[in-house]
Amino acid sequence: MPLTQLLRVGLFGLPIYAEARTALALNGGRLDCSSGVPTIYVDITYPRYSMATFLKIQGVPLIQIQEGLFYELIDRGWYFPYTARYVFSR
């Protein structure tokens, strides 16, 4: 599968979750239209105790990433929170 198609439909070929992933990515974001161009800002940081599950089979998590490790990197000054900016074209 070409990379562009993989990114479009997801790792396991389930495009049904695309809208949910977008909503999750923009959760906590803010919309600014003051310049006339819609722009979404999302603050990216990691909580201390956070686990991201990428694959479950019959409810059992098989692939997980402890995102709290990123919190520790932030706490030590090795990684920095940032703000993602999505700018819509006209």
N, C-alpha and C. Protein backbone atom coordinates (compact mmCIF):
# COMPACT_ATOMS: atom_id res chain seq x y z
N MET A 1 0.85 -1.18 0.00
CA MET A 1 0.00 0.00 0.00
C MET A 1 0.90 1.25 0.00
N PRO A 2 0.68 2.18 -0.93
CA PRO A 2 1.48 3.41 -0.95
C PRO A 2 1.28 4.22 0.33
N LEU A 3 2.32 4.96 0.71
CA LEU A 3 2.26 5.75 1.94
C LEU A 3 1.10 6.73 1.93
N THR A 4 0.85 7.38 0.80
CA THR A 4 -0.25 8.35 0.75
C THR A 4 -1.59 7.69 1.04
N GLN A 5 -1.78 6.49 0.54
CA GLN A 5 -3.04 5.78 0.80
C GLN A 5 -3.09 5.33 2.26
N LEU A 6 -1.95 4.89 2.79
CA LEU A 6 -1.89 4.46 4.18
C LEU A 6 -2.27 5.61 5.11
N LEU A 7 -1.77 6.80 4.84
CA LEU A 7 -2.09 7.96 5.67
C LEU A 7 -3.56 8.34 5.54
N ARG A 8 -4.13 8.12 4.37
CA ARG A 8 -5.52 8.52 4.14
C ARG A 8 -6.50 7.57 4.82
N VAL A 9 -6.26 6.28 4.79
CA VAL A 9 -7.23 5.33 5.34
C VAL A 9 -6.84 4.77 6.70
N GLY A 10 -5.64 5.00 7.13
CA GLY A 10 -5.21 4.50 8.43
C GLY A 10 -4.44 3.20 8.30
N LEU A 11 -3.73 2.88 9.34
CA LEU A 11 -2.83 1.73 9.32
C LEU A 11 -3.55 0.43 9.02
N PHE A 12 -4.76 0.26 9.53
CA PHE A 12 -5.46 -1.00 9.36
C PHE A 12 -6.58 -0.91 8.34
N GLY A 13 -6.54 0.13 7.49
CA GLY A 13 -7.49 0.25 6.40
C GLY A 13 -8.91 0.51 6.86
N LEU A 14 -9.09 1.20 7.95
CA LEU A 14 -10.43 1.48 8.46
C LEU A 14 -10.73 2.97 8.38
N PRO A 15 -11.19 3.44 7.23
CA PRO A 15 -11.46 4.87 7.09
C PRO A 15 -12.64 5.34 7.94
N ILE A 16 -13.40 4.42 8.54
CA ILE A 16 -14.57 4.81 9.34
C ILE A 16 -14.18 5.63 10.56
N TYR A 17 -12.91 5.56 10.98
CA TYR A 17 -12.48 6.30 12.16
C TYR A 17 -11.84 7.65 11.83
N ALA A 18 -11.76 8.00 10.56
CA ALA A 18 -11.08 9.23 10.16
C ALA A 18 -11.70 10.46 10.83
N GLU A 19 -13.03 10.55 10.85
CA GLU A 19 -13.69 11.71 11.46
C GLU A 19 -13.43 11.77 12.96
N ALA A 20 -13.46 10.62 13.62
CA ALA A 20 -13.21 10.59 15.06
C ALA A 20 -11.78 11.01 15.38
N ARG A 21 -10.82 10.58 14.55
CA ARG A 21 -9.43 10.98 14.78
C ARG A 21 -9.26 12.48 14.61
N THR A 22 -9.95 13.05 13.63
CA THR A 22 -9.87 14.50 13.42
C THR A 22 -10.46 15.23 14.61
N ALA A 23 -11.61 14.77 15.10
CA ALA A 23 -12.25 15.41 16.25
C ALA A 23 -11.34 15.32 17.48
N LEU A 24 -10.70 14.18 17.67
CA LEU A 24 -9.81 14.02 18.81
C LEU A 24 -8.59 14.93 18.68
N ALA A 25 -8.04 15.04 17.48
CA ALA A 25 -6.87 15.89 17.26
C ALA A 25 -7.19 17.36 17.54
N LEU A 26 -8.40 17.77 17.25
CA LEU A 26 -8.77 19.18 17.43
C LEU A 26 -9.43 19.45 18.78
N ASN A 27 -9.58 18.43 19.61
CA ASN A 27 -10.20 18.60 20.92
C ASN A 27 -9.37 19.58 21.74
N GLY A 28 -10.04 20.56 22.30
CA GLY A 28 -9.34 21.56 23.10
C GLY A 28 -8.74 22.67 22.27
N GLY A 29 -8.98 22.64 20.97
CA GLY A 29 -8.45 23.68 20.09
C GLY A 29 -9.31 24.92 20.11
N ARG A 30 -8.83 25.95 19.46
CA ARG A 30 -9.61 27.19 19.37
C ARG A 30 -9.59 27.67 17.92
N LEU A 31 -10.68 28.25 17.51
CA LEU A 31 -10.85 28.74 16.15
C LEU A 31 -10.74 30.25 16.15
N ASP A 32 -9.95 30.79 15.21
CA ASP A 32 -9.78 32.23 15.08
C ASP A 32 -10.07 32.62 13.63
N CYS A 33 -11.02 33.52 13.45
CA CYS A 33 -11.37 33.99 12.10
C CYS A 33 -11.11 35.49 11.97
N SER A 34 -10.38 36.08 12.90
CA SER A 34 -10.21 37.53 12.91
C SER A 34 -9.45 38.04 11.68
N SER A 35 -8.60 37.22 11.08
CA SER A 35 -7.85 37.66 9.90
C SER A 35 -8.63 37.45 8.61
N GLY A 36 -9.81 36.83 8.72
CA GLY A 36 -10.59 36.51 7.53
C GLY A 36 -10.31 35.11 7.00
N VAL A 37 -9.26 34.47 7.51
CA VAL A 37 -8.92 33.10 7.12
C VAL A 37 -9.09 32.22 8.36
N PRO A 38 -9.97 31.23 8.30
CA PRO A 38 -10.16 30.37 9.48
C PRO A 38 -8.86 29.66 9.85
N THR A 39 -8.50 29.75 11.13
CA THR A 39 -7.28 29.14 11.65
C THR A 39 -7.62 28.44 12.96
N ILE A 40 -7.17 27.20 13.10
CA ILE A 40 -7.39 26.44 14.33
C ILE A 40 -6.05 26.30 15.03
N TYR A 41 -6.04 26.58 16.34
CA TYR A 41 -4.86 26.43 17.17
C TYR A 41 -5.12 25.31 18.19
N VAL A 42 -4.17 24.39 18.32
CA VAL A 42 -4.30 23.29 19.28
C VAL A 42 -3.01 23.23 20.08
N ASP A 43 -3.12 23.37 21.40
CA ASP A 43 -1.96 23.27 22.28
C ASP A 43 -1.63 21.79 22.46
N ILE A 44 -0.38 21.41 22.18
CA ILE A 44 0.07 20.04 22.28
C ILE A 44 0.97 19.88 23.49
N THR A 45 0.56 19.06 24.41
CA THR A 45 1.36 18.72 25.58
C THR A 45 0.94 17.33 26.03
N TYR A 46 1.61 16.78 27.00
CA TYR A 46 1.33 15.42 27.43
C TYR A 46 1.13 15.38 28.93
N PRO A 47 0.06 14.75 29.40
CA PRO A 47 -0.13 14.60 30.84
C PRO A 47 0.84 13.56 31.41
N ARG A 48 1.04 13.61 32.70
CA ARG A 48 2.00 12.72 33.35
C ARG A 48 1.64 11.25 33.17
N TYR A 49 0.38 10.90 33.35
CA TYR A 49 -0.05 9.50 33.24
C TYR A 49 -1.00 9.37 32.06
N SER A 50 -0.45 9.01 30.93
CA SER A 50 -1.26 8.91 29.71
C SER A 50 -0.75 7.74 28.88
N MET A 51 -1.68 6.92 28.44
CA MET A 51 -1.34 5.75 27.64
C MET A 51 -2.14 5.83 26.34
N ALA A 52 -1.45 5.69 25.22
CA ALA A 52 -2.10 5.68 23.91
C ALA A 52 -2.12 4.25 23.40
N THR A 53 -3.30 3.74 23.11
CA THR A 53 -3.44 2.38 22.59
C THR A 53 -3.62 2.44 21.09
N PHE A 54 -2.79 1.72 20.36
CA PHE A 54 -2.84 1.71 18.90
C PHE A 54 -3.51 0.46 18.35
N LEU A 55 -3.50 -0.63 19.09
CA LEU A 55 -4.09 -1.85 18.59
C LEU A 55 -4.67 -2.66 19.73
N LYS A 56 -5.96 -3.02 19.59
CA LYS A 56 -6.62 -3.91 20.53
C LYS A 56 -7.18 -5.09 19.75
N ILE A 57 -7.09 -6.26 20.33
CA ILE A 57 -7.74 -7.43 19.76
C ILE A 57 -8.60 -8.03 20.86
N GLN A 58 -9.89 -8.09 20.59
CA GLN A 58 -10.89 -8.57 21.55
C GLN A 58 -10.78 -7.83 22.87
N GLY A 59 -10.58 -6.53 22.79
CA GLY A 59 -10.53 -5.68 23.98
C GLY A 59 -9.21 -5.68 24.73
N VAL A 60 -8.25 -6.48 24.28
CA VAL A 60 -6.94 -6.54 24.95
C VAL A 60 -5.96 -5.65 24.21
N PRO A 61 -5.40 -4.62 24.88
CA PRO A 61 -4.44 -3.75 24.22
C PRO A 61 -3.14 -4.50 23.91
N LEU A 62 -2.73 -4.48 22.64
CA LEU A 62 -1.51 -5.16 22.23
C LEU A 62 -0.37 -4.18 21.98
N ILE A 63 -0.67 -3.03 21.41
CA ILE A 63 0.36 -2.03 21.14
C ILE A 63 -0.04 -0.75 21.85
N GLN A 64 0.78 -0.33 22.81
CA GLN A 64 0.51 0.88 23.56
C GLN A 64 1.80 1.69 23.68
N ILE A 65 1.63 3.00 23.80
CA ILE A 65 2.76 3.89 24.05
C ILE A 65 2.46 4.68 25.32
N GLN A 66 3.38 4.68 26.24
CA GLN A 66 3.25 5.43 27.47
C GLN A 66 3.61 6.88 27.17
N GLU A 67 2.56 7.71 26.93
CA GLU A 67 2.81 9.11 26.59
C GLU A 67 3.33 9.90 27.78
N GLY A 68 3.20 9.36 28.97
CA GLY A 68 3.75 10.01 30.15
C GLY A 68 5.26 10.17 30.06
N LEU A 69 5.90 9.34 29.23
CA LEU A 69 7.34 9.50 29.03
C LEU A 69 7.67 10.85 28.39
N PHE A 70 6.78 11.32 27.51
CA PHE A 70 6.98 12.65 26.92
C PHE A 70 6.87 13.73 27.99
N TYR A 71 5.96 13.53 28.97
CA TYR A 71 5.84 14.47 30.08
C TYR A 71 7.18 14.58 30.82
N GLU A 72 7.82 13.44 31.05
CA GLU A 72 9.11 13.46 31.75
C GLU A 72 10.17 14.21 30.94
N LEU A 73 10.15 14.04 29.63
CA LEU A 73 11.09 14.79 28.78
C LEU A 73 10.82 16.29 28.86
N ILE A 74 9.55 16.66 28.90
CA ILE A 74 9.18 18.08 29.04
C ILE A 74 9.66 18.59 30.39
N ASP A 75 9.44 17.80 31.44
CA ASP A 75 9.82 18.20 32.79
C ASP A 75 11.33 18.42 32.90
N ARG A 76 12.11 17.67 32.14
CA ARG A 76 13.57 17.79 32.18
C ARG A 76 14.11 18.81 31.18
N GLY A 77 13.22 19.41 30.39
CA GLY A 77 13.65 20.44 29.44
C GLY A 77 14.23 19.89 28.15
N TRP A 78 13.96 18.62 27.85
CA TRP A 78 14.47 18.01 26.61
C TRP A 78 13.45 18.04 25.49
N TYR A 79 12.22 18.28 25.81
CA TYR A 79 11.12 18.30 24.83
C TYR A 79 10.20 19.44 25.23
N PHE A 80 9.59 20.08 24.27
CA PHE A 80 8.82 21.27 24.60
C PHE A 80 7.39 21.17 24.06
N PRO A 81 6.42 21.58 24.88
CA PRO A 81 5.05 21.65 24.37
C PRO A 81 5.00 22.68 23.23
N TYR A 82 4.03 22.53 22.37
CA TYR A 82 3.93 23.46 21.24
C TYR A 82 2.48 23.66 20.86
N THR A 83 2.25 24.59 19.98
CA THR A 83 0.91 24.86 19.47
C THR A 83 0.88 24.55 17.98
N ALA A 84 0.01 23.62 17.60
CA ALA A 84 -0.17 23.29 16.19
C ALA A 84 -1.15 24.30 15.60
N ARG A 85 -0.90 24.71 14.38
CA ARG A 85 -1.76 25.71 13.73
C ARG A 85 -2.21 25.15 12.38
N TYR A 86 -3.53 25.07 12.21
CA TYR A 86 -4.12 24.63 10.95
C TYR A 86 -4.74 25.84 10.28
N VAL A 87 -4.23 26.20 9.11
CA VAL A 87 -4.72 27.37 8.38
C VAL A 87 -5.45 26.87 7.14
N PHE A 88 -6.69 27.31 6.97
CA PHE A 88 -7.48 26.90 5.84
C PHE A 88 -7.21 27.82 4.65
N SER A 89 -7.12 27.23 3.48
CA SER A 89 -6.93 28.05 2.28
C SER A 89 -8.29 28.51 1.78
N ARG A 90 -8.27 29.55 1.02
CA ARG A 90 -9.54 30.09 0.51
C ARG A 90 -9.98 29.36 -0.73
